[in-house]
Amino acid sequence: MAIVINIDVMLAKRKMSVTELSERVGITMANLSILKNGKAKAIRISTLEAICRALKCQPGDLLEYVDDEEEAGR
């Protein structure tokens, strides 16, 4: 996977639980878990916007590009 979603990092910085984020954003815990665990194939811009609003962050705080070759070396 080339794009990593760092929701856990932002949750920790904001001292917010996954449950609270789920309620604020209006998505299920299951879908939030899919995002957190890197299993998502896509994310709607409206969902990304809602997460950024709830966490008071920028999309770049959540999304990180990791080169496939670099990831293989981890």
Protein backbone atom coordinates (compact mmCIF):
# COMPACT_ATOMS: atom_id res chain seq x y z
CA MET A 1 0.00 0.00 0.00
CA ALA A 2 1.43 3.38 -0.95
CA ILE A 3 -0.90 5.62 1.09
CA VAL A 4 -0.92 5.22 4.87
CA ILE A 5 -3.77 6.69 6.93
CA ASN A 6 -2.49 7.91 10.31
CA ILE A 7 -5.77 8.25 12.19
CA ASP A 8 -4.28 6.63 15.31
CA VAL A 9 -1.56 9.29 15.48
CA MET A 10 -4.07 12.14 15.31
CA LEU A 11 -6.43 10.44 17.79
CA ALA A 12 -3.56 10.20 20.27
CA LYS A 13 -2.55 13.84 19.70
CA ARG A 14 -6.13 14.99 20.25
CA LYS A 15 -6.71 12.56 23.14
CA MET A 16 -9.85 11.32 21.41
CA SER A 17 -11.23 7.79 21.33
CA VAL A 18 -12.19 5.92 18.18
CA THR A 19 -15.76 5.81 19.49
CA GLU A 20 -15.88 9.59 19.90
CA LEU A 21 -14.47 10.13 16.40
CA SER A 22 -16.99 7.69 14.97
CA GLU A 23 -19.86 9.59 16.60
CA ARG A 24 -18.56 13.01 15.54
CA VAL A 25 -17.94 11.97 11.94
CA GLY A 26 -21.06 9.83 11.57
CA ILE A 27 -19.40 6.67 10.29
CA THR A 28 -19.53 3.22 11.79
CA MET A 29 -16.81 1.82 13.98
CA ALA A 30 -16.33 -0.92 11.36
CA ASN A 31 -15.64 1.60 8.58
CA LEU A 32 -13.35 3.62 10.82
CA SER A 33 -11.47 0.42 11.66
CA ILE A 34 -11.04 -0.32 7.95
CA LEU A 35 -9.47 3.12 7.51
CA LYS A 36 -7.25 2.76 10.58
CA ASN A 37 -5.97 -0.67 9.61
CA GLY A 38 -5.07 0.32 6.05
CA LYS A 39 -7.69 -1.94 4.46
CA ALA A 40 -9.59 0.84 2.70
CA LYS A 41 -9.34 1.06 -1.08
CA ALA A 42 -10.84 4.56 -1.17
CA ILE A 43 -12.08 7.36 1.05
CA ARG A 44 -14.73 9.89 0.16
CA ILE A 45 -13.65 13.50 0.24
CA SER A 46 -16.67 14.28 2.43
CA THR A 47 -15.52 11.62 4.94
CA LEU A 48 -11.97 12.96 4.92
CA GLU A 49 -13.35 16.47 5.44
CA ALA A 50 -15.48 15.32 8.39
CA ILE A 51 -12.52 13.53 9.99
CA CYS A 52 -10.34 16.63 9.55
CA ARG A 53 -13.06 18.81 11.05
CA ALA A 54 -13.47 16.48 14.07
CA LEU A 55 -9.72 16.18 14.64
CA LYS A 56 -9.00 19.82 13.76
CA CYS A 57 -6.27 18.83 11.32
CA GLN A 58 -5.31 18.97 7.66
CA PRO A 59 -5.61 16.02 5.22
CA GLY A 60 -1.81 15.86 5.13
CA ASP A 61 -1.80 15.16 8.86
CA LEU A 62 -3.77 11.97 8.16
CA LEU A 63 -2.42 10.80 4.80
CA GLU A 64 1.15 9.76 4.14
CA TYR A 65 2.70 8.45 0.94
CA VAL A 66 5.09 5.54 1.45
CA ASP A 67 7.05 4.22 -1.51
CA ASP A 68 6.33 0.49 -2.04
CA GLU A 69 10.07 -0.26 -2.04
CA GLU A 70 10.53 1.66 1.20
CA GLU A 71 7.59 -0.18 2.77
CA ALA A 72 9.06 -3.55 1.78
CA GLY A 73 12.17 -2.70 3.76
CA ARG A 74 10.22 -2.07 6.98
